[in-house]
Amino acid sequence: MHELSLCEGILQILEEQSQTQGFIRVHRVCLEIGALASVEPEALRFHFDVVTQGTLAEGSHLEIVTVPAQAWCLPCGEKVSIGQYFDACPQCGSRQLQVIEGEELRIQQLEVE
């Protein structure tokens, strides 16, 4: 259910940027969401439509780009793809991995007028 609060935060950012950048309407919001970010895209879309009603982003298109999870394996020094936290390194089998991509949630692009 945290998708609702995420959408409220996104709307707050849009409103703040509207004030500083001088736009009056948002047509498209492109979000980057990491595979490990624990965000359900369909729930986010639903809440985004609800939260943006009556705002400068009402009716805007929400585009979601999923960022795959990548980790750095400390023992073998390889950058590897992982499916979830605590996966083993596919190269050496170690579980000493440091996540370097896949946790983000950020606004990548806006289309405004």
PDB file of N, CA and C in Angstrom:
ATOM      1  N   MET A   1       0.815  -1.201   0.000  1.00  0.00           N
ATOM      2  CA  MET A   1       0.000   0.000   0.000  1.00  0.00           C
ATOM      3  C   MET A   1       0.856   1.261   0.000  1.00  0.00           C
ATOM      4  N   HIS A   2       2.180   1.106   0.091  1.00  0.00           N
ATOM      5  CA  HIS A   2       3.037   2.285   0.095  1.00  0.00           C
ATOM      6  C   HIS A   2       3.045   2.990  -1.255  1.00  0.00           C
ATOM      7  N   GLU A   3       2.472   2.364  -2.280  1.00  0.00           N
ATOM      8  CA  GLU A   3       2.403   3.004  -3.586  1.00  0.00           C
ATOM      9  C   GLU A   3       1.601   4.300  -3.530  1.00  0.00           C
ATOM     10  N   LEU A   4       0.597   4.363  -2.657  1.00  0.00           N
ATOM     11  CA  LEU A   4      -0.193   5.590  -2.488  1.00  0.00           C
ATOM     12  C   LEU A   4       0.700   6.726  -2.005  1.00  0.00           C
ATOM     13  N   SER A   5       1.497   6.482  -0.986  1.00  0.00           N
ATOM     14  CA  SER A   5       2.372   7.545  -0.475  1.00  0.00           C
ATOM     15  C   SER A   5       3.461   7.895  -1.485  1.00  0.00           C
ATOM     16  N   LEU A   6       3.924   6.922  -2.268  1.00  0.00           N
ATOM     17  CA  LEU A   6       4.886   7.223  -3.327  1.00  0.00           C
ATOM     18  C   LEU A   6       4.272   8.176  -4.345  1.00  0.00           C
ATOM     19  N   CYS A   7       3.031   7.918  -4.727  1.00  0.00           N
ATOM     20  CA  CYS A   7       2.352   8.789  -5.694  1.00  0.00           C
ATOM     21  C   CYS A   7       2.128  10.181  -5.133  1.00  0.00           C
ATOM     22  N   GLU A   8       1.814  10.269  -3.860  1.00  0.00           N
ATOM     23  CA  GLU A   8       1.661  11.579  -3.232  1.00  0.00           C
ATOM     24  C   GLU A   8       2.983  12.336  -3.264  1.00  0.00           C
ATOM     25  N   GLY A   9       4.093  11.636  -3.030  1.00  0.00           N
ATOM     26  CA  GLY A   9       5.410  12.256  -3.109  1.00  0.00           C
ATOM     27  C   GLY A   9       5.759  12.706  -4.520  1.00  0.00           C
ATOM     28  N   ILE A  10       5.408  11.887  -5.505  1.00  0.00           N
ATOM     29  CA  ILE A  10       5.649  12.258  -6.901  1.00  0.00           C
ATOM     30  C   ILE A  10       4.858  13.509  -7.257  1.00  0.00           C
ATOM     31  N   LEU A  11       3.595  13.555  -6.846  1.00  0.00           N
ATOM     32  CA  LEU A  11       2.773  14.731  -7.118  1.00  0.00           C
ATOM     33  C   LEU A  11       3.358  15.969  -6.448  1.00  0.00           C
ATOM     34  N   GLN A  12       3.847  15.831  -5.247  1.00  0.00           N
ATOM     35  CA  GLN A  12       4.461  16.966  -4.551  1.00  0.00           C
ATOM     36  C   GLN A  12       5.676  17.477  -5.343  1.00  0.00           C
ATOM     37  N   ILE A  13       6.478  16.580  -5.860  1.00  0.00           N
ATOM     38  CA  ILE A  13       7.634  16.977  -6.679  1.00  0.00           C
ATOM     39  C   ILE A  13       7.165  17.695  -7.938  1.00  0.00           C
ATOM     40  N   LEU A  14       6.125  17.178  -8.582  1.00  0.00           N
ATOM     41  CA  LEU A  14       5.597  17.819  -9.788  1.00  0.00           C
ATOM     42  C   LEU A  14       5.107  19.227  -9.493  1.00  0.00           C
ATOM     43  N   GLU A  15       4.406  19.399  -8.381  1.00  0.00           N
ATOM     44  CA  GLU A  15       3.895  20.717  -8.018  1.00  0.00           C
ATOM     45  C   GLU A  15       5.035  21.684  -7.704  1.00  0.00           C
ATOM     46  N   GLU A  16       6.051  21.199  -6.992  1.00  0.00           N
ATOM     47  CA  GLU A  16       7.206  22.053  -6.688  1.00  0.00           C
ATOM     48  C   GLU A  16       7.931  22.461  -7.964  1.00  0.00           C
ATOM     49  N   GLN A  17       8.132  21.512  -8.867  1.00  0.00           N
ATOM     50  CA  GLN A  17       8.817  21.812 -10.123  1.00  0.00           C
ATOM     51  C   GLN A  17       7.984  22.738 -11.004  1.00  0.00           C
ATOM     52  N   SER A  18       6.676  22.622 -10.913  1.00  0.00           N
ATOM     53  CA  SER A  18       5.796  23.521 -11.655  1.00  0.00           C
ATOM     54  C   SER A  18       6.031  24.967 -11.222  1.00  0.00           C
ATOM     55  N   GLN A  19       6.213  25.160  -9.930  1.00  0.00           N
ATOM     56  CA  GLN A  19       6.463  26.506  -9.407  1.00  0.00           C
ATOM     57  C   GLN A  19       7.820  27.037  -9.859  1.00  0.00           C
ATOM     58  N   THR A  20       8.846  26.212  -9.790  1.00  0.00           N
ATOM     59  CA  THR A  20      10.192  26.682 -10.128  1.00  0.00           C
ATOM     60  C   THR A  20      10.442  26.732 -11.629  1.00  0.00           C
ATOM     61  N   GLN A  21       9.841  25.809 -12.394  1.00  0.00           N
ATOM     62  CA  GLN A  21      10.102  25.729 -13.830  1.00  0.00           C
ATOM     63  C   GLN A  21       9.051  26.464 -14.669  1.00  0.00           C
ATOM     64  N   GLY A  22       7.895  26.745 -14.063  1.00  0.00           N
ATOM     65  CA  GLY A  22       6.878  27.537 -14.744  1.00  0.00           C
ATOM     66  C   GLY A  22       5.966  26.782 -15.697  1.00  0.00           C
ATOM     67  N   PHE A  23       5.808  25.486 -15.528  1.00  0.00           N
ATOM     68  CA  PHE A  23       4.842  24.779 -16.373  1.00  0.00           C
ATOM     69  C   PHE A  23       3.503  24.681 -15.662  1.00  0.00           C
ATOM     70  N   ILE A  24       2.449  24.491 -16.455  1.00  0.00           N
ATOM     71  CA  ILE A  24       1.094  24.479 -15.883  1.00  0.00           C
ATOM     72  C   ILE A  24       0.394  23.131 -16.011  1.00  0.00           C
ATOM     73  N   ARG A  25       0.964  22.230 -16.810  1.00  0.00           N
ATOM     74  CA  ARG A  25       0.300  20.951 -17.067  1.00  0.00           C
ATOM     75  C   ARG A  25       1.354  19.873 -17.284  1.00  0.00           C
ATOM     76  N   VAL A  26       1.088  18.688 -16.774  1.00  0.00           N
ATOM     77  CA  VAL A  26       1.961  17.531 -16.980  1.00  0.00           C
ATOM     78  C   VAL A  26       1.209  16.547 -17.874  1.00  0.00           C
ATOM     79  N   HIS A  27       1.855  16.170 -18.991  1.00  0.00           N
ATOM     80  CA  HIS A  27       1.238  15.218 -19.926  1.00  0.00           C
ATOM     81  C   HIS A  27       1.778  13.806 -19.758  1.00  0.00           C
ATOM     82  N   ARG A  28       3.057  13.703 -19.365  1.00  0.00           N
ATOM     83  CA  ARG A  28       3.663  12.383 -19.240  1.00  0.00           C
ATOM     84  C   ARG A  28       4.717  12.417 -18.144  1.00  0.00           C
ATOM     85  N   VAL A  29       4.727  11.351 -17.354  1.00  0.00           N
ATOM     86  CA  VAL A  29       5.731  11.176 -16.308  1.00  0.00           C
ATOM     87  C   VAL A  29       6.391   9.825 -16.569  1.00  0.00           C
ATOM     88  N   CYS A  30       7.702   9.832 -16.720  1.00  0.00           N
ATOM     89  CA  CYS A  30       8.459   8.602 -16.923  1.00  0.00           C
ATOM     90  C   CYS A  30       9.254   8.319 -15.652  1.00  0.00           C
ATOM     91  N   LEU A  31       8.969   7.181 -15.029  1.00  0.00           N
ATOM     92  CA  LEU A  31       9.654   6.786 -13.801  1.00  0.00           C
ATOM     93  C   LEU A  31      10.600   5.629 -14.068  1.00  0.00           C
ATOM     94  N   GLU A  32      11.744   5.659 -13.442  1.00  0.00           N
ATOM     95  CA  GLU A  32      12.654   4.515 -13.399  1.00  0.00           C
ATOM     96  C   GLU A  32      12.421   3.825 -12.069  1.00  0.00           C
ATOM     97  N   ILE A  33      12.101   2.541 -12.123  1.00  0.00           N
ATOM     98  CA  ILE A  33      11.870   1.784 -10.897  1.00  0.00           C
ATOM     99  C   ILE A  33      12.756   0.548 -10.920  1.00  0.00           C
ATOM    100  N   GLY A  34      13.592   0.422  -9.922  1.00  0.00           N
ATOM    101  CA  GLY A  34      14.482  -0.723  -9.821  1.00  0.00           C
ATOM    102  C   GLY A  34      13.726  -1.995  -9.503  1.00  0.00           C
ATOM    103  N   ALA A  35      14.237  -3.093 -10.005  1.00  0.00           N
ATOM    104  CA  ALA A  35      13.615  -4.402  -9.789  1.00  0.00           C
ATOM    105  C   ALA A  35      13.566  -4.775  -8.307  1.00  0.00           C
ATOM    106  N   LEU A  36      14.431  -4.188  -7.492  1.00  0.00           N
ATOM    107  CA  LEU A  36      14.473  -4.479  -6.057  1.00  0.00           C
ATOM    108  C   LEU A  36      13.775  -3.408  -5.219  1.00  0.00           C
ATOM    109  N   ALA A  37      13.096  -2.474  -5.845  1.00  0.00           N
ATOM    110  CA  ALA A  37      12.506  -1.333  -5.135  1.00  0.00           C
ATOM    111  C   ALA A  37      11.223  -1.679  -4.380  1.00  0.00           C
ATOM    112  N   SER A  38      10.741  -2.886  -4.523  1.00  0.00           N
ATOM    113  CA  SER A  38       9.509  -3.323  -3.839  1.00  0.00           C
ATOM    114  C   SER A  38       8.315  -2.436  -4.179  1.00  0.00           C
ATOM    115  N   VAL A  39       8.191  -2.113  -5.459  1.00  0.00           N
ATOM    116  CA  VAL A  39       7.074  -1.308  -5.940  1.00  0.00           C
ATOM    117  C   VAL A  39       6.292  -2.141  -6.941  1.00  0.00           C
ATOM    118  N   GLU A  40       4.989  -2.216  -6.746  1.00  0.00           N
ATOM    119  CA  GLU A  40       4.104  -2.937  -7.662  1.00  0.00           C
ATOM    120  C   GLU A  40       3.629  -1.945  -8.729  1.00  0.00           C
ATOM    121  N   PRO A  41       4.085  -2.103  -9.977  1.00  0.00           N
ATOM    122  CA  PRO A  41       3.758  -1.129 -11.026  1.00  0.00           C
ATOM    123  C   PRO A  41       2.260  -0.899 -11.231  1.00  0.00           C
ATOM    124  N   GLU A  42       1.457  -1.947 -11.204  1.00  0.00           N
ATOM    125  CA  GLU A  42       0.018  -1.756 -11.432  1.00  0.00           C
ATOM    126  C   GLU A  42      -0.639  -0.996 -10.289  1.00  0.00           C
ATOM    127  N   ALA A  43      -0.221  -1.264  -9.063  1.00  0.00           N
ATOM    128  CA  ALA A  43      -0.735  -0.510  -7.912  1.00  0.00           C
ATOM    129  C   ALA A  43      -0.300   0.946  -8.006  1.00  0.00           C
ATOM    130  N   LEU A  44       0.927   1.173  -8.454  1.00  0.00           N
ATOM    131  CA  LEU A  44       1.420   2.541  -8.619  1.00  0.00           C
ATOM    132  C   LEU A  44       0.600   3.286  -9.669  1.00  0.00           C
ATOM    133  N   ARG A  45       0.303   2.632 -10.781  1.00  0.00           N
ATOM    134  CA  ARG A  45      -0.519   3.255 -11.835  1.00  0.00           C
ATOM    135  C   ARG A  45      -1.910   3.622 -11.306  1.00  0.00           C
ATOM    136  N   PHE A  46      -2.520   2.695 -10.581  1.00  0.00           N
ATOM    137  CA  PHE A  46      -3.854   2.948 -10.031  1.00  0.00           C
ATOM    138  C   PHE A  46      -3.828   4.153  -9.096  1.00  0.00           C
ATOM    139  N   HIS A  47      -2.896   4.158  -8.161  1.00  0.00           N
ATOM    140  CA  HIS A  47      -2.825   5.253  -7.186  1.00  0.00           C
ATOM    141  C   HIS A  47      -2.429   6.570  -7.842  1.00  0.00           C
ATOM    142  N   PHE A  48      -1.600   6.503  -8.872  1.00  0.00           N
ATOM    143  CA  PHE A  48      -1.213   7.725  -9.582  1.00  0.00           C
ATOM    144  C   PHE A  48      -2.449   8.383 -10.192  1.00  0.00           C
ATOM    145  N   ASP A  49      -3.312   7.591 -10.822  1.00  0.00           N
ATOM    146  CA  ASP A  49      -4.542   8.139 -11.407  1.00  0.00           C
ATOM    147  C   ASP A  49      -5.448   8.746 -10.340  1.00  0.00           C
ATOM    148  N   VAL A  50      -5.522   8.106  -9.182  1.00  0.00           N
ATOM    149  CA  VAL A  50      -6.369   8.606  -8.091  1.00  0.00           C
ATOM    150  C   VAL A  50      -5.788   9.904  -7.508  1.00  0.00           C
ATOM    151  N   VAL A  51      -4.496   9.904  -7.205  1.00  0.00           N
ATOM    152  CA  VAL A  51      -3.840  11.046  -6.548  1.00  0.00           C
ATOM    153  C   VAL A  51      -3.818  12.279  -7.446  1.00  0.00           C
ATOM    154  N   THR A  52      -3.692  12.076  -8.753  1.00  0.00           N
ATOM    155  CA  THR A  52      -3.549  13.225  -9.656  1.00  0.00           C
ATOM    156  C   THR A  52      -4.881  13.837 -10.096  1.00  0.00           C
ATOM    157  N   GLN A  53      -6.003  13.268  -9.695  1.00  0.00           N
ATOM    158  CA  GLN A  53      -7.295  13.852 -10.063  1.00  0.00           C
ATOM    159  C   GLN A  53      -7.400  15.274  -9.513  1.00  0.00           C
ATOM    160  N   GLY A  54      -7.786  16.199 -10.391  1.00  0.00           N
ATOM    161  CA  GLY A  54      -7.954  17.589  -9.994  1.00  0.00           C
ATOM    162  C   GLY A  54      -6.651  18.360  -9.841  1.00  0.00           C
ATOM    163  N   THR A  55      -5.544  17.805 -10.349  1.00  0.00           N
ATOM    164  CA  THR A  55      -4.238  18.461 -10.226  1.00  0.00           C
ATOM    165  C   THR A  55      -3.675  18.765 -11.609  1.00  0.00           C
ATOM    166  N   LEU A  56      -2.500  19.371 -11.638  1.00  0.00           N
ATOM    167  CA  LEU A  56      -1.851  19.680 -12.903  1.00  0.00           C
ATOM    168  C   LEU A  56      -1.442  18.429 -13.678  1.00  0.00           C
ATOM    169  N   ALA A  57      -1.477  17.263 -13.034  1.00  0.00           N
ATOM    170  CA  ALA A  57      -1.087  16.008 -13.686  1.00  0.00           C
ATOM    171  C   ALA A  57      -2.289  15.115 -14.006  1.00  0.00           C
ATOM    172  N   GLU A  58      -3.503  15.641 -13.819  1.00  0.00           N
ATOM    173  CA  GLU A  58      -4.683  14.820 -14.105  1.00  0.00           C
ATOM    174  C   GLU A  58      -4.682  14.377 -15.565  1.00  0.00           C
ATOM    175  N   GLY A  59      -4.898  13.090 -15.771  1.00  0.00           N
ATOM    176  CA  GLY A  59      -4.956  12.530 -17.116  1.00  0.00           C
ATOM    177  C   GLY A  59      -3.596  12.283 -17.754  1.00  0.00           C
ATOM    178  N   SER A  60      -2.529  12.559 -17.027  1.00  0.00           N
ATOM    179  CA  SER A  60      -1.196  12.349 -17.598  1.00  0.00           C
ATOM    180  C   SER A  60      -0.888  10.855 -17.696  1.00  0.00           C
ATOM    181  N   HIS A  61      -0.001  10.541 -18.616  1.00  0.00           N
ATOM    182  CA  HIS A  61       0.402   9.151 -18.844  1.00  0.00           C
ATOM    183  C   HIS A  61       1.595   8.832 -17.948  1.00  0.00           C
ATOM    184  N   LEU A  62       1.485   7.746 -17.205  1.00  0.00           N
ATOM    185  CA  LEU A  62       2.581   7.291 -16.358  1.00  0.00           C
ATOM    186  C   LEU A  62       3.314   6.167 -17.077  1.00  0.00           C
ATOM    187  N   GLU A  63       4.561   6.420 -17.410  1.00  0.00           N
ATOM    188  CA  GLU A  63       5.399   5.419 -18.073  1.00  0.00           C
ATOM    189  C   GLU A  63       6.394   4.887 -17.045  1.00  0.00           C
ATOM    190  N   ILE A  64       6.530   3.574 -16.985  1.00  0.00           N
ATOM    191  CA  ILE A  64       7.427   2.951 -16.017  1.00  0.00           C
ATOM    192  C   ILE A  64       8.518   2.182 -16.754  1.00  0.00           C
ATOM    193  N   VAL A  65       9.754   2.507 -16.432  1.00  0.00           N
ATOM    194  CA  VAL A  65      10.914   1.811 -16.980  1.00  0.00           C
ATOM    195  C   VAL A  65      11.525   1.008 -15.828  1.00  0.00           C
ATOM    196  N   THR A  66      11.595  -0.308 -16.001  1.00  0.00           N
ATOM    197  CA  THR A  66      12.156  -1.162 -14.960  1.00  0.00           C
ATOM    198  C   THR A  66      13.667  -1.268 -15.137  1.00  0.00           C
ATOM    199  N   VAL A  67      14.387  -1.006 -14.062  1.00  0.00           N
ATOM    200  CA  VAL A  67      15.842  -1.091 -14.061  1.00  0.00           C
ATOM    201  C   VAL A  67      16.232  -2.434 -13.453  1.00  0.00           C
ATOM    202  N   PRO A  68      16.926  -3.287 -14.210  1.00  0.00           N
ATOM    203  CA  PRO A  68      17.320  -4.591 -13.678  1.00  0.00           C
ATOM    204  C   PRO A  68      18.290  -4.456 -12.508  1.00  0.00           C
ATOM    205  N   ALA A  69      18.274  -5.444 -11.649  1.00  0.00           N
ATOM    206  CA  ALA A  69      19.158  -5.435 -10.486  1.00  0.00           C
ATOM    207  C   ALA A  69      20.547  -5.926 -10.878  1.00  0.00           C
ATOM    208  N   GLN A  70      21.551  -5.156 -10.463  1.00  0.00           N
ATOM    209  CA  GLN A  70      22.949  -5.493 -10.694  1.00  0.00           C
ATOM    210  C   GLN A  70      23.682  -5.406  -9.355  1.00  0.00           C
ATOM    211  N   ALA A  71      24.666  -6.260  -9.195  1.00  0.00           N
ATOM    212  CA  ALA A  71      25.457  -6.252  -7.966  1.00  0.00           C
ATOM    213  C   ALA A  71      26.930  -6.444  -8.304  1.00  0.00           C
ATOM    214  N   TRP A  72      27.762  -5.998  -7.392  1.00  0.00           N
ATOM    215  CA  TRP A  72      29.199  -6.178  -7.508  1.00  0.00           C
ATOM    216  C   TRP A  72      29.572  -7.311  -6.559  1.00  0.00           C
ATOM    217  N   CYS A  73      30.205  -8.342  -7.093  1.00  0.00           N
ATOM    218  CA  CYS A  73      30.632  -9.468  -6.265  1.00  0.00           C
ATOM    219  C   CYS A  73      31.995  -9.138  -5.669  1.00  0.00           C
ATOM    220  N   LEU A  74      32.065  -9.094  -4.364  1.00  0.00           N
ATOM    221  CA  LEU A  74      33.307  -8.720  -3.691  1.00  0.00           C
ATOM    222  C   LEU A  74      34.421  -9.751  -3.908  1.00  0.00           C
ATOM    223  N   PRO A  75      34.180 -11.059  -3.774  1.00  0.00           N
ATOM    224  CA  PRO A  75      35.274 -12.021  -3.969  1.00  0.00           C
ATOM    225  C   PRO A  75      35.817 -12.091  -5.405  1.00  0.00           C
ATOM    226  N   CYS A  76      34.937 -12.126  -6.408  1.00  0.00           N
ATOM    227  CA  CYS A  76      35.455 -12.301  -7.776  1.00  0.00           C
ATOM    228  C   CYS A  76      35.549 -10.995  -8.562  1.00  0.00           C
ATOM    229  N   GLY A  77      34.985  -9.906  -8.031  1.00  0.00           N
ATOM    230  CA  GLY A  77      35.115  -8.604  -8.675  1.00  0.00           C
ATOM    231  C   GLY A  77      34.267  -8.409  -9.915  1.00  0.00           C
ATOM    232  N   GLU A  78      33.287  -9.252 -10.122  1.00  0.00           N
ATOM    233  CA  GLU A  78      32.436  -9.149 -11.311  1.00  0.00           C
ATOM    234  C   GLU A  78      31.154  -8.366 -11.024  1.00  0.00           C
ATOM    235  N   LYS A  79      30.681  -7.660 -12.036  1.00  0.00           N
ATOM    236  CA  LYS A  79      29.359  -7.039 -11.995  1.00  0.00           C
ATOM    237  C   LYS A  79      28.386  -8.079 -12.542  1.00  0.00           C
ATOM    238  N   VAL A  80      27.378  -8.455 -11.722  1.00  0.00           N
ATOM    239  CA  VAL A  80      26.486  -9.549 -12.094  1.00  0.00           C
ATOM    240  C   VAL A  80      25.025  -9.128 -11.963  1.00  0.00           C
ATOM    241  N   SER A  81      24.172  -9.786 -12.722  1.00  0.00           N
ATOM    242  CA  SER A  81      22.727  -9.588 -12.612  1.00  0.00           C
ATOM    243  C   SER A  81      22.197 -10.473 -11.498  1.00  0.00           C
ATOM    244  N   ILE A  82      21.254  -9.922 -10.729  1.00  0.00           N
ATOM    245  CA  ILE A  82      20.614 -10.706  -9.671  1.00  0.00           C
ATOM    246  C   ILE A  82      19.105 -10.546  -9.792  1.00  0.00           C
ATOM    247  N   GLY A  83      18.376 -11.522  -9.277  1.00  0.00           N
ATOM    248  CA  GLY A  83      16.926 -11.479  -9.325  1.00  0.00           C
ATOM    249  C   GLY A  83      16.301 -10.944  -8.052  1.00  0.00           C
ATOM    250  N   GLN A  84      17.040 -11.111  -6.946  1.00  0.00           N
ATOM    251  CA  GLN A  84      16.533 -10.656  -5.656  1.00  0.00           C
ATOM    252  C   GLN A  84      17.703 -10.507  -4.690  1.00  0.00           C
ATOM    253  N   TYR A  85      17.417  -9.886  -3.556  1.00  0.00           N
ATOM    254  CA  TYR A  85      18.447  -9.760  -2.530  1.00  0.00           C
ATOM    255  C   TYR A  85      18.914 -11.148  -2.099  1.00  0.00           C
ATOM    256  N   PHE A  86      20.155 -11.260  -1.728  1.00  0.00           N
ATOM    257  CA  PHE A  86      20.771 -12.469  -1.192  1.00  0.00           C
ATOM    258  C   PHE A  86      20.925 -13.590  -2.218  1.00  0.00           C
ATOM    259  N   ASP A  87      20.778 -13.265  -3.513  1.00  0.00           N
ATOM    260  CA  ASP A  87      21.123 -14.242  -4.545  1.00  0.00           C
ATOM    261  C   ASP A  87      22.625 -14.500  -4.483  1.00  0.00           C
ATOM    262  N   ALA A  88      23.019 -15.666  -4.955  1.00  0.00           N
ATOM    263  CA  ALA A  88      24.440 -15.987  -5.048  1.00  0.00           C
ATOM    264  C   ALA A  88      25.000 -15.443  -6.362  1.00  0.00           C
ATOM    265  N   CYS A  89      26.276 -15.175  -6.372  1.00  0.00           N
ATOM    266  CA  CYS A  89      26.957 -14.730  -7.591  1.00  0.00           C
ATOM    267  C   CYS A  89      26.924 -15.870  -8.606  1.00  0.00           C
ATOM    268  N   PRO A  90      26.437 -15.596  -9.818  1.00  0.00           N
ATOM    269  CA  PRO A  90      26.400 -16.655 -10.831  1.00  0.00           C
ATOM    270  C   PRO A  90      27.791 -17.067 -11.315  1.00  0.00           C
ATOM    271  N   GLN A  91      28.802 -16.253 -11.024  1.00  0.00           N
ATOM    272  CA  GLN A  91      30.170 -16.567 -11.455  1.00  0.00           C
ATOM    273  C   GLN A  91      30.895 -17.484 -10.456  1.00  0.00           C
ATOM    274  N   CYS A  92      30.832 -17.110  -9.168  1.00  0.00           N
ATOM    275  CA  CYS A  92      31.632 -17.842  -8.173  1.00  0.00           C
ATOM    276  C   CYS A  92      30.810 -18.465  -7.044  1.00  0.00           C
ATOM    277  N   GLY A  93      29.514 -18.147  -6.961  1.00  0.00           N
ATOM    278  CA  GLY A  93      28.664 -18.717  -5.923  1.00  0.00           C
ATOM    279  C   GLY A  93      28.669 -17.966  -4.603  1.00  0.00           C
ATOM    280  N   SER A  94      29.466 -16.933  -4.486  1.00  0.00           N
ATOM    281  CA  SER A  94      29.528 -16.165  -3.250  1.00  0.00           C
ATOM    282  C   SER A  94      28.221 -15.402  -3.024  1.00  0.00           C
ATOM    283  N   ARG A  95      27.936 -15.142  -1.767  1.00  0.00           N
ATOM    284  CA  ARG A  95      26.767 -14.320  -1.425  1.00  0.00           C
ATOM    285  C   ARG A  95      27.205 -12.940  -0.924  1.00  0.00           C
ATOM    286  N   GLN A  96      28.462 -12.613  -1.125  1.00  0.00           N
ATOM    287  CA  GLN A  96      28.980 -11.299  -0.722  1.00  0.00           C
ATOM    288  C   GLN A  96      28.821 -10.339  -1.895  1.00  0.00           C
ATOM    289  N   LEU A  97      27.591  -9.915  -2.083  1.00  0.00           N
ATOM    290  CA  LEU A  97      27.265  -9.031  -3.197  1.00  0.00           C
ATOM    291  C   LEU A  97      26.843  -7.667  -2.672  1.00  0.00           C
ATOM    292  N   GLN A  98      27.280  -6.639  -3.369  1.00  0.00           N
ATOM    293  CA  GLN A  98      26.873  -5.275  -3.050  1.00  0.00           C
ATOM    294  C   GLN A  98      26.001  -4.780  -4.202  1.00  0.00           C
ATOM    295  N   VAL A  99      24.745  -4.483  -3.910  1.00  0.00           N
ATOM    296  CA  VAL A  99      23.814  -4.012  -4.930  1.00  0.00           C
ATOM    297  C   VAL A  99      24.270  -2.649  -5.435  1.00  0.00           C
ATOM    298  N   ILE A 100      24.353  -2.503  -6.767  1.00  0.00           N
ATOM    299  CA  ILE A 100      24.765  -1.223  -7.351  1.00  0.00           C
ATOM    300  C   ILE A 100      23.678  -0.613  -8.231  1.00  0.00           C
ATOM    301  N   GLU A 101      22.709  -1.396  -8.660  1.00  0.00           N
ATOM    302  CA  GLU A 101      21.562  -0.901  -9.433  1.00  0.00           C
ATOM    303  C   GLU A 101      20.356  -1.758  -9.110  1.00  0.00           C
ATOM    304  N   GLY A 102      19.182  -1.142  -9.227  1.00  0.00           N
ATOM    305  CA  GLY A 102      17.953  -1.903  -9.052  1.00  0.00           C
ATOM    306  C   GLY A 102      17.135  -1.512  -7.847  1.00  0.00           C
ATOM    307  N   GLU A 103      17.613  -0.543  -7.071  1.00  0.00           N
ATOM    308  CA  GLU A 103      16.858  -0.087  -5.901  1.00  0.00           C
ATOM    309  C   GLU A 103      16.222   1.278  -6.118  1.00  0.00           C
ATOM    310  N   GLU A 104      16.481   1.900  -7.251  1.00  0.00           N
ATOM    311  CA  GLU A 104      16.067   3.278  -7.473  1.00  0.00           C
ATOM    312  C   GLU A 104      14.570   3.432  -7.767  1.00  0.00           C
ATOM    313  N   LEU A 105      14.107   4.606  -7.463  1.00  0.00           N
ATOM    314  CA  LEU A 105      12.773   5.070  -7.864  1.00  0.00           C
ATOM    315  C   LEU A 105      12.950   6.551  -8.123  1.00  0.00           C
ATOM    316  N   ARG A 106      12.959   6.938  -9.378  1.00  0.00           N
ATOM    317  CA  ARG A 106      13.206   8.341  -9.702  1.00  0.00           C
ATOM    318  C   ARG A 106      12.426   8.762 -10.942  1.00  0.00           C
ATOM    319  N   ILE A 107      12.147  10.035 -10.980  1.00  0.00           N
ATOM    320  CA  ILE A 107      11.511  10.611 -12.170  1.00  0.00           C
ATOM    321  C   ILE A 107      12.611  10.801 -13.201  1.00  0.00           C
ATOM    322  N   GLN A 108      12.445  10.117 -14.323  1.00  0.00           N
ATOM    323  CA  GLN A 108      13.446  10.181 -15.383  1.00  0.00           C
ATOM    324  C   GLN A 108      13.164  11.319 -16.353  1.00  0.00           C
ATOM    325  N   GLN A 109      11.882  11.494 -16.736  1.00  0.00           N
ATOM    326  CA  GLN A 109      11.487  12.526 -17.704  1.00  0.00           C
ATOM    327  C   GLN A 109      10.092  13.025 -17.393  1.00  0.00           C
ATOM    328  N   LEU A 110       9.868  14.254 -17.794  1.00  0.00           N
ATOM    329  CA  LEU A 110       8.531  14.840 -17.734  1.00  0.00           C
ATOM    330  C   LEU A 110       8.224  15.448 -19.091  1.00  0.00           C
ATOM    331  N   GLU A 111       6.970  15.335 -19.502  1.00  0.00           N
ATOM    332  CA  GLU A 111       6.484  16.058 -20.685  1.00  0.00           C
ATOM    333  C   GLU A 111       5.444  17.035 -20.162  1.00  0.00           C
ATOM    334  N   VAL A 112       5.707  18.313 -20.337  1.00  0.00           N
ATOM    335  CA  VAL A 112       4.880  19.355 -19.725  1.00  0.00           C
ATOM    336  C   VAL A 112       4.549  20.439 -20.726  1.00  0.00           C
ATOM    337  N   GLU A 113       3.622  21.310 -20.331  1.00  0.00           N
ATOM    338  CA  GLU A 113       3.357  22.523 -21.131  1.00  0.00           C
ATOM    339  C   GLU A 113       3.306  23.707 -20.207  1.00  0.00           C
TER     340      GLU A 113
END
